[in-house]
N, C-alpha and C. Protein backbone atom coordinates (compact mmCIF):
# COMPACT_ATOMS: atom_id res chain seq x y z
N MET A 1 158.79 139.08 -30.02
CA MET A 1 157.93 139.95 -29.07
C MET A 1 156.67 140.26 -29.78
N GLU A 2 155.52 140.19 -29.09
CA GLU A 2 154.33 140.49 -29.87
C GLU A 2 154.06 141.97 -29.77
N MET A 3 153.60 142.46 -30.88
CA MET A 3 153.26 144.04 -31.02
C MET A 3 151.90 144.15 -30.57
N THR A 4 151.62 145.16 -29.73
CA THR A 4 150.37 145.55 -29.18
C THR A 4 149.58 146.47 -30.16
N ASP A 5 148.39 146.20 -30.55
CA ASP A 5 147.58 147.07 -31.32
C ASP A 5 146.82 147.98 -30.39
N TYR A 6 147.46 149.07 -30.02
CA TYR A 6 146.90 149.97 -29.04
C TYR A 6 145.46 150.57 -29.40
N ASN A 7 145.29 150.80 -30.72
CA ASN A 7 143.94 151.20 -31.20
C ASN A 7 142.91 150.21 -31.15
N ALA A 8 143.23 149.04 -30.91
CA ALA A 8 142.19 147.91 -30.71
C ALA A 8 141.77 147.85 -29.12
N CYS A 9 142.52 148.40 -28.36
CA CYS A 9 142.32 148.33 -26.92
C CYS A 9 141.21 149.47 -26.42
N ASP A 10 140.37 148.98 -25.59
CA ASP A 10 139.41 150.14 -25.01
C ASP A 10 140.31 150.92 -23.92
N ASP A 11 139.55 151.99 -23.57
CA ASP A 11 140.16 152.89 -22.56
C ASP A 11 140.62 152.31 -21.19
N ARG A 12 139.71 151.39 -20.78
CA ARG A 12 139.94 150.71 -19.58
C ARG A 12 141.36 149.89 -19.76
N THR A 13 141.43 149.16 -20.74
CA THR A 13 142.58 148.34 -20.98
C THR A 13 143.83 149.29 -21.09
N LEU A 14 143.79 150.43 -21.83
CA LEU A 14 144.81 151.37 -22.01
C LEU A 14 145.30 151.91 -20.70
N THR A 15 144.27 152.38 -19.82
CA THR A 15 144.64 153.03 -18.62
C THR A 15 145.41 152.03 -17.70
N ARG A 16 144.98 150.70 -17.73
CA ARG A 16 145.66 149.78 -16.89
C ARG A 16 147.04 149.57 -17.50
N MET A 17 147.28 149.59 -18.68
CA MET A 17 148.65 149.50 -19.32
C MET A 17 149.53 150.63 -18.93
N VAL A 18 148.88 151.86 -18.84
CA VAL A 18 149.67 153.04 -18.49
C VAL A 18 150.04 152.92 -16.99
N VAL A 19 149.15 152.43 -16.19
CA VAL A 19 149.48 152.38 -14.74
C VAL A 19 150.65 151.31 -14.56
N GLU A 20 150.60 150.28 -15.42
CA GLU A 20 151.70 149.29 -15.46
C GLU A 20 153.04 149.83 -16.12
N GLY A 21 153.00 151.02 -16.73
CA GLY A 21 154.28 151.51 -17.23
C GLY A 21 154.37 151.55 -18.70
N ASP A 22 153.29 151.43 -19.38
CA ASP A 22 153.33 151.48 -20.84
C ASP A 22 152.90 152.87 -21.41
N ASN A 23 153.87 153.61 -21.62
CA ASN A 23 153.52 155.02 -21.96
C ASN A 23 153.08 155.19 -23.35
N LYS A 24 153.29 154.27 -24.28
CA LYS A 24 152.53 154.40 -25.61
C LYS A 24 151.11 154.18 -25.40
N ALA A 25 150.57 153.47 -24.39
CA ALA A 25 149.16 153.43 -24.18
C ALA A 25 148.55 154.79 -23.84
N PHE A 26 149.37 155.59 -23.09
CA PHE A 26 148.91 156.94 -22.79
C PHE A 26 148.78 157.76 -24.05
N ASP A 27 149.85 157.59 -24.97
CA ASP A 27 149.86 158.29 -26.23
C ASP A 27 148.59 157.99 -26.94
N THR A 28 148.03 156.75 -26.97
CA THR A 28 146.89 156.24 -27.64
C THR A 28 145.61 156.95 -26.95
N LEU A 29 145.61 156.96 -25.65
CA LEU A 29 144.58 157.75 -24.97
C LEU A 29 144.50 159.28 -25.30
N PHE A 30 145.73 159.80 -25.42
CA PHE A 30 145.73 161.20 -25.69
C PHE A 30 145.21 161.50 -27.17
N ALA A 31 145.58 160.66 -28.12
CA ALA A 31 145.21 160.81 -29.50
C ALA A 31 143.64 160.51 -29.51
N ARG A 32 143.17 159.66 -28.74
CA ARG A 32 141.78 159.30 -28.75
C ARG A 32 140.80 160.30 -28.19
N HIS A 33 141.31 161.04 -27.33
CA HIS A 33 140.37 162.04 -26.58
C HIS A 33 140.88 163.48 -26.83
N ARG A 34 141.96 163.72 -27.56
CA ARG A 34 142.47 165.01 -27.91
C ARG A 34 141.51 165.87 -28.57
N ASP A 35 140.79 165.53 -29.59
CA ASP A 35 139.87 166.37 -30.34
C ASP A 35 138.77 166.77 -29.56
N ALA A 36 138.08 165.91 -28.76
CA ALA A 36 137.00 166.15 -27.88
C ALA A 36 137.28 167.29 -26.92
N ILE A 37 138.53 167.19 -26.26
CA ILE A 37 138.93 168.08 -25.26
C ILE A 37 139.23 169.38 -25.88
N TYR A 38 139.87 169.43 -27.03
CA TYR A 38 140.28 170.48 -27.72
C TYR A 38 138.92 171.35 -28.08
N ALA A 39 137.97 170.71 -28.55
CA ALA A 39 136.69 171.25 -28.85
C ALA A 39 136.07 172.03 -27.81
N MET A 40 136.02 171.15 -26.55
CA MET A 40 135.43 171.66 -25.39
C MET A 40 136.06 172.89 -24.94
N LEU A 41 137.50 172.94 -24.87
CA LEU A 41 138.24 174.03 -24.38
C LEU A 41 138.08 175.15 -25.36
N VAL A 42 138.04 175.05 -26.61
CA VAL A 42 137.87 176.16 -27.63
C VAL A 42 136.56 176.83 -27.33
N LYS A 43 135.52 175.94 -27.06
CA LYS A 43 134.08 176.53 -26.83
C LYS A 43 134.12 177.31 -25.53
N ARG A 44 134.73 176.90 -24.56
CA ARG A 44 134.85 177.49 -23.24
C ARG A 44 135.65 178.84 -23.18
N THR A 45 136.89 178.71 -23.84
CA THR A 45 137.79 179.84 -23.76
C THR A 45 137.48 180.96 -24.89
N GLY A 46 137.01 180.45 -25.98
CA GLY A 46 136.80 181.41 -27.10
C GLY A 46 138.04 181.94 -27.59
N ASN A 47 139.17 181.26 -27.15
CA ASN A 47 140.56 181.63 -27.62
C ASN A 47 141.38 180.41 -27.99
N ALA A 48 141.58 180.12 -29.23
CA ALA A 48 142.41 178.97 -29.57
C ALA A 48 143.84 179.10 -29.10
N ASP A 49 144.35 180.35 -28.85
CA ASP A 49 145.79 180.59 -28.51
C ASP A 49 146.07 179.89 -27.19
N VAL A 50 145.17 179.84 -26.23
CA VAL A 50 145.44 179.25 -24.86
C VAL A 50 145.00 177.83 -24.76
N VAL A 51 144.30 177.28 -25.78
CA VAL A 51 143.81 175.94 -25.65
C VAL A 51 144.92 174.81 -25.66
N GLU A 52 145.86 175.07 -26.44
CA GLU A 52 147.06 174.01 -26.57
C GLU A 52 147.72 173.92 -25.16
N ASP A 53 147.89 175.00 -24.51
CA ASP A 53 148.51 175.18 -23.19
C ASP A 53 147.55 174.42 -22.18
N LEU A 54 146.24 174.76 -22.11
CA LEU A 54 145.34 174.12 -21.24
C LEU A 54 145.31 172.62 -21.46
N MET A 55 145.32 172.22 -22.73
CA MET A 55 145.18 170.71 -23.03
C MET A 55 146.48 170.06 -22.53
N GLN A 56 147.60 170.66 -22.83
CA GLN A 56 148.95 169.88 -22.29
C GLN A 56 148.79 169.81 -20.88
N GLU A 57 148.30 170.92 -20.08
CA GLU A 57 148.32 170.84 -18.68
C GLU A 57 147.26 169.80 -18.20
N ALA A 58 146.15 169.66 -18.78
CA ALA A 58 145.10 168.70 -18.39
C ALA A 58 145.58 167.27 -18.58
N PHE A 59 146.18 167.03 -19.75
CA PHE A 59 146.73 165.66 -20.04
C PHE A 59 147.95 165.26 -19.06
N MET A 60 148.75 166.35 -18.72
CA MET A 60 149.86 166.03 -17.80
C MET A 60 149.20 165.68 -16.37
N LYS A 61 148.23 166.33 -16.06
CA LYS A 61 147.64 166.16 -14.74
C LYS A 61 146.98 164.74 -14.80
N ALA A 62 146.33 164.35 -15.86
CA ALA A 62 145.78 163.06 -16.07
C ALA A 62 146.84 162.04 -15.87
N TYR A 63 147.90 162.24 -16.64
CA TYR A 63 149.08 161.27 -16.54
C TYR A 63 149.64 161.07 -15.12
N LEU A 64 149.83 162.19 -14.39
CA LEU A 64 150.46 162.17 -13.12
C LEU A 64 149.42 161.45 -12.04
N ASN A 65 148.13 161.52 -12.42
CA ASN A 65 147.17 161.08 -11.43
C ASN A 65 146.36 159.88 -11.88
N ILE A 66 146.87 159.18 -12.96
CA ILE A 66 146.16 158.09 -13.60
C ILE A 66 146.02 156.99 -12.59
N GLY A 67 146.80 156.85 -11.55
CA GLY A 67 146.61 155.87 -10.52
C GLY A 67 145.40 156.12 -9.74
N ARG A 68 144.78 157.22 -9.84
CA ARG A 68 143.63 157.56 -9.13
C ARG A 68 142.39 157.42 -9.94
N TYR A 69 142.51 157.12 -11.26
CA TYR A 69 141.35 156.86 -12.17
C TYR A 69 140.66 155.58 -11.71
N ASN A 70 139.41 155.67 -11.62
CA ASN A 70 138.51 154.47 -11.29
C ASN A 70 138.08 154.03 -12.67
N PRO A 71 138.45 152.70 -13.00
CA PRO A 71 138.01 152.09 -14.34
C PRO A 71 136.44 151.77 -14.34
N ASP A 72 135.87 151.89 -13.31
CA ASP A 72 134.36 151.75 -13.25
C ASP A 72 133.63 152.89 -13.97
N TYR A 73 134.34 153.94 -14.19
CA TYR A 73 133.85 155.15 -14.85
C TYR A 73 134.48 155.37 -16.22
N ASP A 74 133.90 156.13 -17.01
CA ASP A 74 134.40 156.48 -18.38
C ASP A 74 135.67 157.34 -18.27
N PHE A 75 136.70 156.89 -19.03
CA PHE A 75 137.83 157.68 -19.02
C PHE A 75 137.75 158.99 -19.69
N GLY A 76 136.95 159.08 -20.79
CA GLY A 76 136.68 160.27 -21.54
C GLY A 76 136.05 161.38 -20.49
N GLY A 77 135.13 160.82 -19.60
CA GLY A 77 134.53 161.80 -18.70
C GLY A 77 135.35 162.27 -17.71
N TRP A 78 136.41 161.36 -17.29
CA TRP A 78 137.39 161.64 -16.20
C TRP A 78 138.41 162.83 -16.80
N ILE A 79 138.96 162.61 -18.02
CA ILE A 79 139.76 163.52 -18.57
C ILE A 79 139.10 164.84 -18.88
N CYS A 80 137.91 164.76 -19.24
CA CYS A 80 137.04 165.99 -19.51
C CYS A 80 136.89 166.78 -18.16
N THR A 81 136.64 166.07 -17.12
CA THR A 81 136.58 166.67 -15.82
C THR A 81 137.85 167.46 -15.45
N ILE A 82 139.05 166.81 -15.72
CA ILE A 82 140.19 167.40 -15.36
C ILE A 82 140.49 168.63 -16.24
N ALA A 83 140.06 168.48 -17.53
CA ALA A 83 140.20 169.64 -18.53
C ALA A 83 139.28 170.79 -18.11
N LYS A 84 138.14 170.49 -17.60
CA LYS A 84 137.18 171.52 -17.27
C LYS A 84 137.75 172.20 -16.04
N ASN A 85 138.35 171.44 -15.03
CA ASN A 85 138.75 172.06 -13.87
C ASN A 85 140.13 172.91 -14.23
N THR A 86 140.90 172.39 -15.19
CA THR A 86 142.05 173.29 -15.55
C THR A 86 141.59 174.51 -16.15
N PHE A 87 140.37 174.51 -16.96
CA PHE A 87 139.95 175.75 -17.39
C PHE A 87 139.38 176.61 -16.49
N VAL A 88 138.69 176.17 -15.42
CA VAL A 88 138.05 176.79 -14.31
C VAL A 88 139.21 177.63 -13.58
N ASP A 89 140.33 176.84 -13.37
CA ASP A 89 141.48 177.52 -12.66
C ASP A 89 141.96 178.55 -13.47
N PHE A 90 142.13 178.41 -14.84
CA PHE A 90 142.59 179.39 -15.72
C PHE A 90 141.61 180.61 -15.80
N ASP A 91 140.29 180.41 -15.85
CA ASP A 91 139.46 181.44 -15.96
C ASP A 91 139.28 182.26 -14.60
N ARG A 92 139.35 181.57 -13.46
CA ARG A 92 139.30 182.16 -12.13
C ARG A 92 140.50 183.17 -12.01
N LEU A 93 141.67 182.69 -12.44
CA LEU A 93 142.86 183.52 -12.40
C LEU A 93 142.77 184.67 -13.43
N ARG A 94 142.15 184.47 -14.61
CA ARG A 94 142.04 185.55 -15.57
C ARG A 94 140.97 186.59 -15.01
N ARG A 95 139.90 186.17 -14.48
CA ARG A 95 138.80 187.04 -13.96
C ARG A 95 139.40 187.95 -12.76
N SER A 96 140.09 187.17 -11.89
CA SER A 96 140.56 187.82 -10.67
C SER A 96 141.57 188.92 -11.12
N ARG A 97 142.43 188.65 -12.10
CA ARG A 97 143.49 189.57 -12.65
C ARG A 97 142.66 190.78 -13.26
N ALA A 98 141.51 190.52 -13.88
CA ALA A 98 140.79 191.70 -14.48
C ALA A 98 140.03 192.52 -13.55
N LEU A 99 139.67 191.94 -12.35
CA LEU A 99 138.91 192.64 -11.36
C LEU A 99 139.82 193.39 -10.48
N SER A 100 141.04 192.83 -10.32
CA SER A 100 142.00 193.55 -9.29
C SER A 100 143.42 193.47 -9.89
N PRO A 101 143.60 194.27 -11.01
CA PRO A 101 145.03 194.31 -11.46
C PRO A 101 146.12 194.75 -10.51
N GLY A 102 147.16 194.00 -10.40
CA GLY A 102 148.25 194.40 -9.56
C GLY A 102 148.04 193.71 -8.13
N SER A 103 146.97 193.04 -7.92
CA SER A 103 146.70 192.48 -6.58
C SER A 103 147.72 191.35 -6.39
N ASN A 104 148.23 191.29 -5.16
CA ASN A 104 149.18 190.23 -4.86
C ASN A 104 148.60 189.19 -3.88
N LEU A 105 147.30 189.07 -3.98
CA LEU A 105 146.57 188.05 -3.12
C LEU A 105 146.75 186.65 -3.66
N PRO A 106 147.11 185.77 -2.90
CA PRO A 106 147.29 184.42 -3.46
C PRO A 106 145.98 183.75 -3.95
N LEU A 107 146.09 183.08 -5.04
CA LEU A 107 144.89 182.51 -5.69
C LEU A 107 144.99 180.92 -5.42
N ASP A 108 143.88 180.35 -5.32
CA ASP A 108 143.95 178.94 -5.25
C ASP A 108 143.87 178.33 -6.52
N GLY A 109 144.92 177.72 -6.97
CA GLY A 109 144.98 177.11 -8.44
C GLY A 109 145.00 175.59 -8.19
N LYS A 110 144.34 175.12 -7.20
CA LYS A 110 144.30 173.57 -7.09
C LYS A 110 143.36 172.90 -7.99
N VAL A 111 143.65 171.78 -8.55
CA VAL A 111 142.95 170.94 -9.41
C VAL A 111 141.99 169.94 -8.59
N ARG A 112 140.75 169.85 -8.78
CA ARG A 112 139.88 169.02 -8.12
C ARG A 112 139.70 167.79 -8.98
N LEU A 113 140.21 166.61 -8.66
CA LEU A 113 139.91 165.44 -9.45
C LEU A 113 138.69 164.71 -8.78
N THR A 114 138.06 163.96 -9.55
CA THR A 114 136.83 163.27 -9.10
C THR A 114 137.25 162.32 -8.08
N GLN A 115 136.37 162.00 -7.30
CA GLN A 115 136.70 161.00 -6.11
C GLN A 115 136.84 159.64 -6.70
N THR A 116 137.72 158.89 -6.27
CA THR A 116 137.88 157.41 -6.70
C THR A 116 137.90 156.58 -5.47
N SER A 117 137.73 155.30 -5.65
CA SER A 117 137.77 154.30 -4.63
C SER A 117 139.18 154.21 -4.07
N ILE A 118 139.13 153.66 -2.85
CA ILE A 118 140.58 153.40 -2.17
C ILE A 118 141.19 152.27 -2.94
N PRO A 119 142.48 152.52 -3.22
CA PRO A 119 143.31 151.57 -3.94
C PRO A 119 143.52 150.20 -3.26
N THR A 120 143.60 149.20 -4.02
CA THR A 120 143.85 147.90 -3.41
C THR A 120 145.39 147.97 -3.12
N PRO A 121 145.88 146.91 -2.32
CA PRO A 121 147.34 146.85 -2.12
C PRO A 121 148.15 146.65 -3.31
N GLU A 122 147.63 146.08 -4.39
CA GLU A 122 148.28 145.85 -5.65
C GLU A 122 148.38 147.23 -6.33
N GLU A 123 147.19 148.01 -6.35
CA GLU A 123 147.17 149.27 -6.91
C GLU A 123 148.15 150.25 -6.32
N SER A 124 148.27 150.16 -4.93
CA SER A 124 149.11 151.01 -4.18
C SER A 124 150.56 150.71 -4.68
N ILE A 125 150.93 149.40 -4.86
CA ILE A 125 152.31 149.21 -5.20
C ILE A 125 152.60 149.71 -6.71
N ILE A 126 151.61 149.58 -7.64
CA ILE A 126 151.76 150.06 -8.88
C ILE A 126 151.89 151.55 -8.95
N ASN A 127 150.97 152.24 -8.03
CA ASN A 127 151.08 153.73 -8.05
C ASN A 127 152.41 154.12 -7.44
N ALA A 128 152.97 153.36 -6.53
CA ALA A 128 154.32 153.71 -5.86
C ALA A 128 155.39 153.61 -6.97
N GLN A 129 155.34 152.48 -7.84
CA GLN A 129 156.15 152.41 -8.87
C GLN A 129 156.10 153.45 -9.98
N ARG A 130 154.85 153.73 -10.25
CA ARG A 130 154.65 154.94 -11.25
C ARG A 130 155.24 156.22 -10.78
N ARG A 131 154.97 156.50 -9.43
CA ARG A 131 155.46 157.62 -8.82
C ARG A 131 156.98 157.76 -8.81
N ALA A 132 157.70 156.44 -8.50
CA ALA A 132 159.09 156.43 -8.68
C ALA A 132 159.57 156.71 -10.07
N GLN A 133 158.84 156.17 -11.10
CA GLN A 133 159.19 156.60 -12.52
C GLN A 133 159.13 158.10 -12.84
N ILE A 134 158.02 158.73 -12.27
CA ILE A 134 157.94 160.21 -12.51
C ILE A 134 159.15 160.87 -11.71
N ASP A 135 159.31 160.35 -10.55
CA ASP A 135 160.34 161.06 -9.75
C ASP A 135 161.67 160.94 -10.46
N ARG A 136 161.96 159.81 -11.08
CA ARG A 136 163.22 159.63 -11.81
C ARG A 136 163.28 160.65 -13.02
N TYR A 137 162.14 160.83 -13.72
CA TYR A 137 162.03 161.79 -14.85
C TYR A 137 162.35 163.21 -14.27
N ILE A 138 161.64 163.59 -13.12
CA ILE A 138 161.87 164.91 -12.56
C ILE A 138 163.28 165.08 -12.20
N SER A 139 163.90 164.03 -11.52
CA SER A 139 165.32 164.24 -11.18
C SER A 139 166.31 164.51 -12.36
N GLN A 140 165.83 164.09 -13.48
CA GLN A 140 166.65 164.30 -14.68
C GLN A 140 166.64 165.72 -15.32
N LEU A 141 165.61 166.49 -14.78
CA LEU A 141 165.52 167.90 -15.26
C LEU A 141 166.39 168.75 -14.74
N PRO A 142 166.86 169.74 -15.43
CA PRO A 142 167.75 170.90 -14.76
C PRO A 142 167.07 171.46 -13.61
N GLU A 143 167.84 171.91 -12.61
CA GLU A 143 167.30 172.35 -11.31
C GLU A 143 166.16 173.38 -11.50
N ASN A 144 166.32 174.31 -12.33
CA ASN A 144 165.28 175.33 -12.42
C ASN A 144 164.09 174.86 -12.97
N TYR A 145 164.09 173.86 -13.85
CA TYR A 145 162.88 173.25 -14.50
C TYR A 145 162.29 172.41 -13.48
N ARG A 146 163.17 171.65 -12.74
CA ARG A 146 162.62 170.71 -11.66
C ARG A 146 161.76 171.48 -10.69
N ARG A 147 162.39 172.65 -10.19
CA ARG A 147 161.60 173.48 -9.24
C ARG A 147 160.29 173.97 -9.79
N LEU A 148 160.26 174.37 -11.00
CA LEU A 148 159.00 174.86 -11.61
C LEU A 148 158.00 173.71 -11.74
N PHE A 149 158.49 172.61 -12.22
CA PHE A 149 157.71 171.40 -12.39
C PHE A 149 157.03 171.01 -11.09
N GLU A 150 157.68 170.97 -10.09
CA GLU A 150 157.15 170.59 -8.80
C GLU A 150 156.19 171.61 -8.27
N LEU A 151 156.54 172.85 -8.38
CA LEU A 151 155.60 173.82 -7.85
C LEU A 151 154.20 173.87 -8.68
N ARG A 152 154.38 173.67 -9.97
CA ARG A 152 153.12 173.72 -10.79
C ARG A 152 152.30 172.44 -10.65
N PHE A 153 153.06 171.37 -10.90
CA PHE A 153 152.32 170.07 -11.06
C PHE A 153 152.20 169.07 -9.87
N ILE A 154 153.06 169.32 -8.94
CA ILE A 154 153.13 168.56 -7.69
C ILE A 154 152.34 169.23 -6.54
N ASP A 155 152.88 170.58 -6.33
CA ASP A 155 152.34 171.40 -5.35
C ASP A 155 151.04 172.09 -5.75
N GLU A 156 150.85 172.18 -7.17
CA GLU A 156 149.79 172.87 -7.73
C GLU A 156 149.58 174.28 -7.42
N TYR A 157 150.67 175.03 -7.44
CA TYR A 157 150.55 176.53 -7.26
C TYR A 157 150.18 177.14 -8.61
N SER A 158 149.54 178.34 -8.43
CA SER A 158 149.11 178.98 -9.80
C SER A 158 150.38 179.66 -10.39
N TYR A 159 150.12 180.08 -11.58
CA TYR A 159 151.39 180.83 -12.19
C TYR A 159 151.68 182.03 -11.39
N ASP A 160 150.75 182.81 -10.89
CA ASP A 160 150.98 184.10 -10.17
C ASP A 160 151.69 183.68 -8.77
N GLU A 161 151.38 182.59 -8.18
CA GLU A 161 151.96 182.15 -6.90
C GLU A 161 153.47 181.79 -7.22
N ILE A 162 153.67 181.02 -8.28
CA ILE A 162 155.04 180.74 -8.72
C ILE A 162 155.82 181.95 -8.84
N ALA A 163 155.39 182.86 -9.77
CA ALA A 163 156.09 184.08 -10.04
C ALA A 163 156.45 184.80 -8.82
N GLU A 164 155.50 184.98 -7.81
CA GLU A 164 155.79 185.70 -6.62
C GLU A 164 156.74 184.94 -5.66
N LYS A 165 156.68 183.65 -5.69
CA LYS A 165 157.47 182.73 -4.88
C LYS A 165 158.89 182.83 -5.34
N LEU A 166 159.13 182.79 -6.64
CA LEU A 166 160.49 182.84 -7.17
C LEU A 166 160.95 184.09 -7.65
N GLY A 167 160.19 185.05 -7.50
CA GLY A 167 160.58 186.53 -7.86
C GLY A 167 160.84 186.53 -9.33
N MET A 168 160.04 185.97 -10.15
CA MET A 168 160.16 186.08 -11.55
C MET A 168 158.88 186.76 -12.24
N LYS A 169 158.96 187.23 -13.41
CA LYS A 169 157.92 187.77 -14.11
C LYS A 169 157.01 186.69 -14.61
N LEU A 170 155.64 187.05 -14.55
CA LEU A 170 154.60 186.04 -14.84
C LEU A 170 154.89 185.48 -16.18
N ASN A 171 155.11 186.22 -17.28
CA ASN A 171 155.40 185.64 -18.62
C ASN A 171 156.49 184.73 -18.76
N THR A 172 157.61 185.05 -17.82
CA THR A 172 158.78 184.11 -17.84
C THR A 172 158.39 182.72 -17.19
N VAL A 173 157.58 182.81 -16.22
CA VAL A 173 157.13 181.68 -15.56
C VAL A 173 156.29 180.82 -16.48
N LYS A 174 155.33 181.43 -17.24
CA LYS A 174 154.45 180.85 -18.18
C LYS A 174 155.30 180.10 -19.32
N THR A 175 156.41 180.82 -19.86
CA THR A 175 157.21 180.28 -20.94
C THR A 175 157.95 179.07 -20.37
N GLN A 176 158.64 179.22 -19.31
CA GLN A 176 159.35 178.11 -18.77
C GLN A 176 158.61 176.98 -18.38
N ILE A 177 157.45 177.06 -17.77
CA ILE A 177 156.59 175.98 -17.45
C ILE A 177 156.15 175.25 -18.76
N PHE A 178 155.88 176.00 -19.80
CA PHE A 178 155.55 175.43 -21.11
C PHE A 178 156.61 174.52 -21.56
N ARG A 179 157.93 175.09 -21.42
CA ARG A 179 159.07 174.31 -21.88
C ARG A 179 159.21 173.07 -21.02
N VAL A 180 159.18 173.19 -19.63
CA VAL A 180 159.34 172.04 -18.85
C VAL A 180 158.31 170.94 -19.01
N ARG A 181 157.07 171.42 -19.26
CA ARG A 181 156.06 170.51 -19.55
C ARG A 181 156.13 169.67 -20.83
N ALA A 182 156.65 170.49 -21.90
CA ALA A 182 157.03 169.82 -23.06
C ALA A 182 158.06 168.71 -22.96
N ARG A 183 159.18 169.16 -22.27
CA ARG A 183 160.32 168.22 -21.97
C ARG A 183 159.73 166.96 -21.18
N MET A 184 158.97 167.16 -20.16
CA MET A 184 158.46 166.00 -19.43
C MET A 184 157.55 165.12 -20.33
N CYS A 185 156.74 165.68 -21.16
CA CYS A 185 155.94 164.95 -22.04
C CYS A 185 156.82 164.07 -23.10
N ARG A 186 157.88 164.66 -23.50
CA ARG A 186 158.85 164.04 -24.34
C ARG A 186 159.44 162.90 -23.59
N MET A 187 159.88 163.19 -22.45
CA MET A 187 160.60 162.01 -21.59
C MET A 187 159.55 160.86 -21.26
N ILE A 188 158.29 161.24 -20.99
CA ILE A 188 157.33 160.24 -20.71
C ILE A 188 157.09 159.36 -21.95
N SER A 189 156.91 160.12 -23.05
CA SER A 189 156.49 159.35 -24.21
C SER A 189 157.62 158.38 -24.74
N GLU A 190 158.90 158.83 -24.51
CA GLU A 190 160.14 158.12 -24.87
C GLU A 190 160.42 157.01 -23.85
N GLY A 191 159.86 157.07 -22.79
CA GLY A 191 160.19 156.10 -21.77
C GLY A 191 161.56 156.14 -21.30
N ASP A 192 162.13 154.99 -21.08
CA ASP A 192 163.52 154.87 -20.65
C ASP A 192 164.59 154.87 -21.74
N LYS A 193 164.14 155.25 -22.96
CA LYS A 193 165.08 155.21 -24.25
C LYS A 193 165.99 156.52 -24.23
N HIS A 194 165.53 157.68 -23.46
CA HIS A 194 166.16 158.87 -23.51
C HIS A 194 167.48 158.88 -22.63
């Protein structure tokens, strides 16, 4: 079996490989763009403590939505847009909390991905297969993690909305979502070996 030199592949090739189910290709994309995203988020947040969490969230969103990526555009720009939007959601929530502490108004934590072209029938089949793979990983999570993952990454609720919906403390929600995100990342990177 021929070994793939992932580092020799360009981003367009790697994204195609990810869409076709090669999770190691996504690891290469992550490694290739991690430093630039990290630097951008540190500059925007001014707080290195939250950057790792924002980075993980941005790359998880990119992975879940990679079927929507248009290879006619730069992958680095696409993931940067996702990371910027993740930061904007975080900053909006932080500012809202600072302006109205104790407010229970729901906040819009939706991620806005860049518009892409309508998928071809082949892309639709690949996207459905990818979604089935993600659904399989989600089904392997414990019930409490599955619910948190779906609320945050599928339904795109904000942390505050999840805390309110589940009757949990905000810090508990953040901690558990960090853990479920780490577990999903591990499952994705290991593929079907786990």
